[in-house]
């Protein structure tokens, strides 16, 4: 999806930290001569899953967020999206 929107860009996965996932990763792309985080993701902590009434013996949760407003800001040169 990132290549479809941003073109043939260099990409890399990096370890990151998000409060409710472990391990956590982010997808970065090299766009307009800078590295941009465009997606955060990770495996949801067991405590979060059980708080949501999920059975951790049978399920694994995967969280991700695209940050679409950041994509729009970069693609359309928007300084302040508010």
PDB file of N, CA and C in Angstrom:
ATOM      1  N   UNK A   1       0.827  -1.186   0.000  1.00  0.00           N
ATOM      2  CA  UNK A   1       0.000   0.000   0.000  1.00  0.00           C
ATOM      3  C   UNK A   1       0.877   1.257   0.000  1.00  0.00           C
ATOM      4  N   UNK A   2       1.953   1.235   0.780  1.00  0.00           N
ATOM      5  CA  UNK A   2       2.839   2.397   0.831  1.00  0.00           C
ATOM      6  C   UNK A   2       3.452   2.681  -0.535  1.00  0.00           C
ATOM      7  N   UNK A   3       3.852   1.638  -1.237  1.00  0.00           N
ATOM      8  CA  UNK A   3       4.427   1.844  -2.575  1.00  0.00           C
ATOM      9  C   UNK A   3       3.377   2.353  -3.557  1.00  0.00           C
ATOM     10  N   UNK A   4       2.164   1.905  -3.407  1.00  0.00           N
ATOM     11  CA  UNK A   4       1.088   2.368  -4.286  1.00  0.00           C
ATOM     12  C   UNK A   4       0.868   3.872  -4.108  1.00  0.00           C
ATOM     13  N   UNK A   5       0.980   4.354  -2.883  1.00  0.00           N
ATOM     14  CA  UNK A   5       0.726   5.770  -2.594  1.00  0.00           C
ATOM     15  C   UNK A   5       1.965   6.632  -2.801  1.00  0.00           C
ATOM     16  N   UNK A   6       3.128   6.181  -2.293  1.00  0.00           N
ATOM     17  CA  UNK A   6       4.337   6.996  -2.327  1.00  0.00           C
ATOM     18  C   UNK A   6       5.269   6.683  -3.491  1.00  0.00           C
ATOM     19  N   UNK A   7       4.999   5.615  -4.226  1.00  0.00           N
ATOM     20  CA  UNK A   7       5.865   5.236  -5.330  1.00  0.00           C
ATOM     21  C   UNK A   7       6.911   4.227  -4.881  1.00  0.00           C
ATOM     22  N   UNK A   8       7.920   4.023  -5.707  1.00  0.00           N
ATOM     23  CA  UNK A   8       8.960   3.030  -5.423  1.00  0.00           C
ATOM     24  C   UNK A   8       9.975   3.618  -4.446  1.00  0.00           C
ATOM     25  N   UNK A   9       9.610   3.643  -3.162  1.00  0.00           N
ATOM     26  CA  UNK A   9      10.453   4.243  -2.125  1.00  0.00           C
ATOM     27  C   UNK A   9      11.186   3.153  -1.344  1.00  0.00           C
ATOM     28  N   UNK A  10      12.308   3.537  -0.755  1.00  0.00           N
ATOM     29  CA  UNK A  10      13.036   2.630   0.130  1.00  0.00           C
ATOM     30  C   UNK A  10      12.251   2.505   1.429  1.00  0.00           C
ATOM     31  N   UNK A  11      12.172   1.293   1.990  1.00  0.00           N
ATOM     32  CA  UNK A  11      11.427   1.055   3.223  1.00  0.00           C
ATOM     33  C   UNK A  11      12.284   0.270   4.198  1.00  0.00           C
ATOM     34  N   UNK A  12      11.991   0.448   5.497  1.00  0.00           N
ATOM     35  CA  UNK A  12      12.651  -0.363   6.505  1.00  0.00           C
ATOM     36  C   UNK A  12      11.742  -0.517   7.716  1.00  0.00           C
ATOM     37  N   UNK A  13      11.843  -1.690   8.349  1.00  0.00           N
ATOM     38  CA  UNK A  13      11.149  -1.960   9.607  1.00  0.00           C
ATOM     39  C   UNK A  13      12.132  -1.692  10.731  1.00  0.00           C
ATOM     40  N   UNK A  14      11.689  -0.982  11.755  1.00  0.00           N
ATOM     41  CA  UNK A  14      12.533  -0.680  12.905  1.00  0.00           C
ATOM     42  C   UNK A  14      11.806  -1.067  14.179  1.00  0.00           C
ATOM     43  N   UNK A  15      12.581  -1.525  15.177  1.00  0.00           N
ATOM     44  CA  UNK A  15      11.979  -1.781  16.483  1.00  0.00           C
ATOM     45  C   UNK A  15      11.576  -0.449  17.092  1.00  0.00           C
ATOM     46  N   UNK A  16      10.487  -0.452  17.832  1.00  0.00           N
ATOM     47  CA  UNK A  16       9.983   0.756  18.456  1.00  0.00           C
ATOM     48  C   UNK A  16       9.368   0.377  19.793  1.00  0.00           C
ATOM     49  N   UNK A  17       8.777   1.334  20.465  1.00  0.00           N
ATOM     50  CA  UNK A  17       8.081   1.050  21.717  1.00  0.00           C
ATOM     51  C   UNK A  17       6.712   1.717  21.679  1.00  0.00           C
ATOM     52  N   UNK A  18       5.686   0.922  21.877  1.00  0.00           N
ATOM     53  CA  UNK A  18       4.335   1.424  22.054  1.00  0.00           C
ATOM     54  C   UNK A  18       3.831   0.822  23.356  1.00  0.00           C
ATOM     55  N   UNK A  19       3.053   1.560  24.143  1.00  0.00           N
ATOM     56  CA  UNK A  19       2.738   1.134  25.505  1.00  0.00           C
ATOM     57  C   UNK A  19       1.933  -0.158  25.642  1.00  0.00           C
ATOM     58  N   UNK A  20       1.209  -0.572  24.628  1.00  0.00           N
ATOM     59  CA  UNK A  20       0.354  -1.754  24.779  1.00  0.00           C
ATOM     60  C   UNK A  20       0.747  -2.914  23.878  1.00  0.00           C
ATOM     61  N   UNK A  21       1.936  -2.830  23.265  1.00  0.00           N
ATOM     62  CA  UNK A  21       2.394  -3.912  22.394  1.00  0.00           C
ATOM     63  C   UNK A  21       3.846  -4.275  22.691  1.00  0.00           C
ATOM     64  N   UNK A  22       4.159  -5.543  22.471  1.00  0.00           N
ATOM     65  CA  UNK A  22       5.534  -6.021  22.600  1.00  0.00           C
ATOM     66  C   UNK A  22       5.633  -7.368  21.898  1.00  0.00           C
ATOM     67  N   UNK A  23       6.446  -7.511  20.888  1.00  0.00           N
ATOM     68  CA  UNK A  23       7.334  -6.497  20.343  1.00  0.00           C
ATOM     69  C   UNK A  23       6.554  -5.439  19.561  1.00  0.00           C
ATOM     70  N   UNK A  24       7.209  -4.312  19.340  1.00  0.00           N
ATOM     71  CA  UNK A  24       6.614  -3.211  18.584  1.00  0.00           C
ATOM     72  C   UNK A  24       7.542  -2.844  17.429  1.00  0.00           C
ATOM     73  N   UNK A  25       6.946  -2.474  16.314  1.00  0.00           N
ATOM     74  CA  UNK A  25       7.713  -2.116  15.120  1.00  0.00           C
ATOM     75  C   UNK A  25       7.088  -0.913  14.430  1.00  0.00           C
ATOM     76  N   UNK A  26       7.900  -0.214  13.652  1.00  0.00           N
ATOM     77  CA  UNK A  26       7.370   0.841  12.799  1.00  0.00           C
ATOM     78  C   UNK A  26       7.913   0.652  11.395  1.00  0.00           C
ATOM     79  N   UNK A  27       7.103   1.033  10.432  1.00  0.00           N
ATOM     80  CA  UNK A  27       7.532   1.014   9.040  1.00  0.00           C
ATOM     81  C   UNK A  27       7.905   2.434   8.666  1.00  0.00           C
ATOM     82  N   UNK A  28       9.120   2.586   8.147  1.00  0.00           N
ATOM     83  CA  UNK A  28       9.588   3.895   7.709  1.00  0.00           C
ATOM     84  C   UNK A  28       9.855   3.848   6.213  1.00  0.00           C
ATOM     85  N   UNK A  29       9.622   4.978   5.558  1.00  0.00           N
ATOM     86  CA  UNK A  29       9.943   5.106   4.138  1.00  0.00           C
ATOM     87  C   UNK A  29      10.863   6.304   3.956  1.00  0.00           C
ATOM     88  N   UNK A  30      11.708   6.230   2.924  1.00  0.00           N
ATOM     89  CA  UNK A  30      12.566   7.359   2.580  1.00  0.00           C
ATOM     90  C   UNK A  30      11.858   8.140   1.488  1.00  0.00           C
ATOM     91  N   UNK A  31      11.353   9.318   1.861  1.00  0.00           N
ATOM     92  CA  UNK A  31      10.510  10.116   0.967  1.00  0.00           C
ATOM     93  C   UNK A  31      10.947  11.574   1.058  1.00  0.00           C
ATOM     94  N   UNK A  32      11.182  12.190  -0.088  1.00  0.00           N
ATOM     95  CA  UNK A  32      11.651  13.583  -0.140  1.00  0.00           C
ATOM     96  C   UNK A  32      12.877  13.799   0.747  1.00  0.00           C
ATOM     97  N   UNK A  33      13.833  12.883   0.640  1.00  0.00           N
ATOM     98  CA  UNK A  33      15.116  12.973   1.342  1.00  0.00           C
ATOM     99  C   UNK A  33      15.025  12.914   2.858  1.00  0.00           C
ATOM    100  N   UNK A  34      13.992  12.270   3.397  1.00  0.00           N
ATOM    101  CA  UNK A  34      13.916  12.069   4.842  1.00  0.00           C
ATOM    102  C   UNK A  34      13.193  10.767   5.146  1.00  0.00           C
ATOM    103  N   UNK A  35      13.535  10.169   6.293  1.00  0.00           N
ATOM    104  CA  UNK A  35      12.851   8.966   6.752  1.00  0.00           C
ATOM    105  C   UNK A  35      11.585   9.362   7.482  1.00  0.00           C
ATOM    106  N   UNK A  36      10.456   8.760   7.091  1.00  0.00           N
ATOM    107  CA  UNK A  36       9.162   9.050   7.696  1.00  0.00           C
ATOM    108  C   UNK A  36       8.554   7.778   8.265  1.00  0.00           C
ATOM    109  N   UNK A  37       8.078   7.851   9.505  1.00  0.00           N
ATOM    110  CA  UNK A  37       7.331   6.739  10.070  1.00  0.00           C
ATOM    111  C   UNK A  37       5.917   6.811   9.515  1.00  0.00           C
ATOM    112  N   UNK A  38       5.478   5.742   8.877  1.00  0.00           N
ATOM    113  CA  UNK A  38       4.134   5.763   8.299  1.00  0.00           C
ATOM    114  C   UNK A  38       3.209   4.713   8.885  1.00  0.00           C
ATOM    115  N   UNK A  39       3.764   3.812   9.714  1.00  0.00           N
ATOM    116  CA  UNK A  39       2.933   2.766  10.288  1.00  0.00           C
ATOM    117  C   UNK A  39       3.585   2.270  11.569  1.00  0.00           C
ATOM    118  N   UNK A  40       2.804   2.210  12.631  1.00  0.00           N
ATOM    119  CA  UNK A  40       3.247   1.598  13.879  1.00  0.00           C
ATOM    120  C   UNK A  40       2.470   0.319  14.100  1.00  0.00           C
ATOM    121  N   UNK A  41       3.121  -0.702  14.692  1.00  0.00           N
ATOM    122  CA  UNK A  41       2.437  -1.982  14.873  1.00  0.00           C
ATOM    123  C   UNK A  41       3.072  -2.777  16.009  1.00  0.00           C
ATOM    124  N   UNK A  42       2.377  -3.827  16.426  1.00  0.00           N
ATOM    125  CA  UNK A  42       2.940  -4.707  17.440  1.00  0.00           C
ATOM    126  C   UNK A  42       1.944  -5.750  17.899  1.00  0.00           C
ATOM    127  N   UNK A  43       2.455  -6.682  18.706  1.00  0.00           N
ATOM    128  CA  UNK A  43       1.637  -7.742  19.296  1.00  0.00           C
ATOM    129  C   UNK A  43       1.077  -7.205  20.610  1.00  0.00           C
ATOM    130  N   UNK A  44      -0.229  -7.276  20.773  1.00  0.00           N
ATOM    131  CA  UNK A  44      -0.915  -6.702  21.938  1.00  0.00           C
ATOM    132  C   UNK A  44      -0.577  -7.495  23.197  1.00  0.00           C
ATOM    133  N   UNK A  45      -0.280  -6.764  24.296  1.00  0.00           N
ATOM    134  CA  UNK A  45       0.013  -7.400  25.585  1.00  0.00           C
ATOM    135  C   UNK A  45      -1.147  -8.292  26.032  1.00  0.00           C
ATOM    136  N   UNK A  46      -0.804  -9.381  26.713  1.00  0.00           N
ATOM    137  CA  UNK A  46      -1.811 -10.319  27.225  1.00  0.00           C
ATOM    138  C   UNK A  46      -2.817  -9.627  28.143  1.00  0.00           C
ATOM    139  N   UNK A  47      -2.335  -8.707  29.004  1.00  0.00           N
ATOM    140  CA  UNK A  47      -3.240  -8.025  29.943  1.00  0.00           C
ATOM    141  C   UNK A  47      -4.308  -7.212  29.205  1.00  0.00           C
ATOM    142  N   UNK A  48      -3.921  -6.617  28.104  1.00  0.00           N
ATOM    143  CA  UNK A  48      -4.870  -5.835  27.302  1.00  0.00           C
ATOM    144  C   UNK A  48      -5.893  -6.773  26.666  1.00  0.00           C
ATOM    145  N   UNK A  49      -5.413  -7.898  26.177  1.00  0.00           N
ATOM    146  CA  UNK A  49      -6.316  -8.876  25.554  1.00  0.00           C
ATOM    147  C   UNK A  49      -7.326  -9.397  26.570  1.00  0.00           C
ATOM    148  N   UNK A  50      -6.859  -9.786  27.763  1.00  0.00           N
ATOM    149  CA  UNK A  50      -7.776 -10.329  28.762  1.00  0.00           C
ATOM    150  C   UNK A  50      -8.727  -9.253  29.279  1.00  0.00           C
ATOM    151  N   UNK A  51      -8.278  -8.001  29.342  1.00  0.00           N
ATOM    152  CA  UNK A  51      -9.182  -6.904  29.722  1.00  0.00           C
ATOM    153  C   UNK A  51     -10.300  -6.729  28.703  1.00  0.00           C
ATOM    154  N   UNK A  52     -10.026  -7.104  27.488  1.00  0.00           N
ATOM    155  CA  UNK A  52     -11.030  -7.046  26.428  1.00  0.00           C
ATOM    156  C   UNK A  52     -11.792  -8.346  26.263  1.00  0.00           C
ATOM    157  N   UNK A  53     -11.729  -9.195  27.279  1.00  0.00           N
ATOM    158  CA  UNK A  53     -12.441 -10.483  27.284  1.00  0.00           C
ATOM    159  C   UNK A  53     -12.015 -11.410  26.156  1.00  0.00           C
ATOM    160  N   UNK A  54     -10.738 -11.359  25.791  1.00  0.00           N
ATOM    161  CA  UNK A  54     -10.216 -12.252  24.759  1.00  0.00           C
ATOM    162  C   UNK A  54      -9.496 -13.416  25.427  1.00  0.00           C
ATOM    163  N   UNK A  55      -9.524 -14.569  24.824  1.00  0.00           N
ATOM    164  CA  UNK A  55      -8.881 -15.763  25.345  1.00  0.00           C
ATOM    165  C   UNK A  55      -7.459 -15.836  24.796  1.00  0.00           C
ATOM    166  N   UNK A  56      -6.481 -15.524  25.642  1.00  0.00           N
ATOM    167  CA  UNK A  56      -5.094 -15.466  25.168  1.00  0.00           C
ATOM    168  C   UNK A  56      -4.503 -16.844  24.876  1.00  0.00           C
ATOM    169  N   UNK A  57      -5.178 -17.910  25.298  1.00  0.00           N
ATOM    170  CA  UNK A  57      -4.718 -19.255  24.950  1.00  0.00           C
ATOM    171  C   UNK A  57      -5.093 -19.622  23.515  1.00  0.00           C
ATOM    172  N   UNK A  58      -6.058 -18.897  22.960  1.00  0.00           N
ATOM    173  CA  UNK A  58      -6.526 -19.207  21.606  1.00  0.00           C
ATOM    174  C   UNK A  58      -6.340 -18.063  20.614  1.00  0.00           C
ATOM    175  N   UNK A  59      -6.018 -16.870  21.104  1.00  0.00           N
ATOM    176  CA  UNK A  59      -5.935 -15.702  20.217  1.00  0.00           C
ATOM    177  C   UNK A  59      -4.680 -14.882  20.492  1.00  0.00           C
ATOM    178  N   UNK A  60      -4.210 -14.246  19.450  1.00  0.00           N
ATOM    179  CA  UNK A  60      -3.120 -13.277  19.544  1.00  0.00           C
ATOM    180  C   UNK A  60      -3.627 -12.003  18.902  1.00  0.00           C
ATOM    181  N   UNK A  61      -3.377 -10.872  19.561  1.00  0.00           N
ATOM    182  CA  UNK A  61      -3.823  -9.593  19.002  1.00  0.00           C
ATOM    183  C   UNK A  61      -2.679  -8.871  18.319  1.00  0.00           C
ATOM    184  N   UNK A  62      -2.981  -8.272  17.174  1.00  0.00           N
ATOM    185  CA  UNK A  62      -2.008  -7.504  16.412  1.00  0.00           C
ATOM    186  C   UNK A  62      -2.592  -6.117  16.221  1.00  0.00           C
ATOM    187  N   UNK A  63      -1.876  -5.105  16.681  1.00  0.00           N
ATOM    188  CA  UNK A  63      -2.343  -3.724  16.548  1.00  0.00           C
ATOM    189  C   UNK A  63      -1.503  -3.004  15.500  1.00  0.00           C
ATOM    190  N   UNK A  64      -2.147  -2.103  14.766  1.00  0.00           N
ATOM    191  CA  UNK A  64      -1.391  -1.271  13.829  1.00  0.00           C
ATOM    192  C   UNK A  64      -2.150   0.026  13.591  1.00  0.00           C
ATOM    193  N   UNK A  65      -1.421   1.049  13.242  1.00  0.00           N
ATOM    194  CA  UNK A  65      -2.024   2.339  12.917  1.00  0.00           C
ATOM    195  C   UNK A  65      -1.277   2.962  11.766  1.00  0.00           C
ATOM    196  N   UNK A  66      -2.022   3.506  10.826  1.00  0.00           N
ATOM    197  CA  UNK A  66      -1.418   4.045   9.611  1.00  0.00           C
ATOM    198  C   UNK A  66      -1.011   5.511   9.701  1.00  0.00           C
ATOM    199  N   UNK A  67      -1.600   6.279  10.581  1.00  0.00           N
ATOM    200  CA  UNK A  67      -1.259   7.694  10.646  1.00  0.00           C
ATOM    201  C   UNK A  67      -1.587   8.417   9.344  1.00  0.00           C
ATOM    202  N   UNK A  68      -2.791   8.227   8.853  1.00  0.00           N
ATOM    203  CA  UNK A  68      -3.167   8.773   7.543  1.00  0.00           C
ATOM    204  C   UNK A  68      -3.020  10.285   7.447  1.00  0.00           C
ATOM    205  N   UNK A  69      -3.223  10.995   8.568  1.00  0.00           N
ATOM    206  CA  UNK A  69      -3.080  12.451   8.511  1.00  0.00           C
ATOM    207  C   UNK A  69      -1.636  12.846   8.199  1.00  0.00           C
ATOM    208  N   UNK A  70      -0.663  12.079   8.704  1.00  0.00           N
ATOM    209  CA  UNK A  70       0.738  12.363   8.376  1.00  0.00           C
ATOM    210  C   UNK A  70       1.018  12.091   6.907  1.00  0.00           C
ATOM    211  N   UNK A  71       0.405  11.033   6.377  1.00  0.00           N
ATOM    212  CA  UNK A  71       0.573  10.739   4.955  1.00  0.00           C
ATOM    213  C   UNK A  71       0.068  11.915   4.128  1.00  0.00           C
ATOM    214  N   UNK A  72      -1.136  12.402   4.454  1.00  0.00           N
ATOM    215  CA  UNK A  72      -1.730  13.513   3.707  1.00  0.00           C
ATOM    216  C   UNK A  72      -0.865  14.768   3.821  1.00  0.00           C
ATOM    217  N   UNK A  73      -0.346  15.043   5.018  1.00  0.00           N
ATOM    218  CA  UNK A  73       0.487  16.234   5.213  1.00  0.00           C
ATOM    219  C   UNK A  73       1.721  16.197   4.316  1.00  0.00           C
ATOM    220  N   UNK A  74       2.369  15.046   4.200  1.00  0.00           N
ATOM    221  CA  UNK A  74       3.566  14.927   3.375  1.00  0.00           C
ATOM    222  C   UNK A  74       3.233  14.934   1.887  1.00  0.00           C
ATOM    223  N   UNK A  75       2.187  14.223   1.509  1.00  0.00           N
ATOM    224  CA  UNK A  75       1.843  14.124   0.087  1.00  0.00           C
ATOM    225  C   UNK A  75       1.367  15.461  -0.489  1.00  0.00           C
ATOM    226  N   UNK A  76       0.685  16.260   0.345  1.00  0.00           N
ATOM    227  CA  UNK A  76       0.089  17.506  -0.142  1.00  0.00           C
ATOM    228  C   UNK A  76       0.710  18.747   0.459  1.00  0.00           C
ATOM    229  N   UNK A  77       1.904  18.601   1.086  1.00  0.00           N
ATOM    230  CA  UNK A  77       2.648  19.735   1.668  1.00  0.00           C
ATOM    231  C   UNK A  77       1.790  20.582   2.584  1.00  0.00           C
ATOM    232  N   UNK A  78       1.085  19.942   3.508  1.00  0.00           N
ATOM    233  CA  UNK A  78       0.250  20.640   4.486  1.00  0.00           C
ATOM    234  C   UNK A  78       1.071  20.839   5.746  1.00  0.00           C
ATOM    235  N   UNK A  79       1.235  22.081   6.202  1.00  0.00           N
ATOM    236  CA  UNK A  79       2.023  22.362   7.393  1.00  0.00           C
ATOM    237  C   UNK A  79       1.249  22.078   8.675  1.00  0.00           C
ATOM    238  N   UNK A  80      -0.030  22.420   8.698  1.00  0.00           N
ATOM    239  CA  UNK A  80      -0.845  22.250   9.895  1.00  0.00           C
ATOM    240  C   UNK A  80      -2.192  21.685   9.477  1.00  0.00           C
ATOM    241  N   UNK A  81      -2.484  20.461   9.870  1.00  0.00           N
ATOM    242  CA  UNK A  81      -3.696  19.784   9.378  1.00  0.00           C
ATOM    243  C   UNK A  81      -4.925  20.103  10.225  1.00  0.00           C
ATOM    244  N   UNK A  82      -4.723  20.815  11.356  1.00  0.00           N
ATOM    245  CA  UNK A  82      -5.891  21.138  12.188  1.00  0.00           C
ATOM    246  C   UNK A  82      -6.788  22.039  11.404  1.00  0.00           C
TER     247      UNK A  82
END
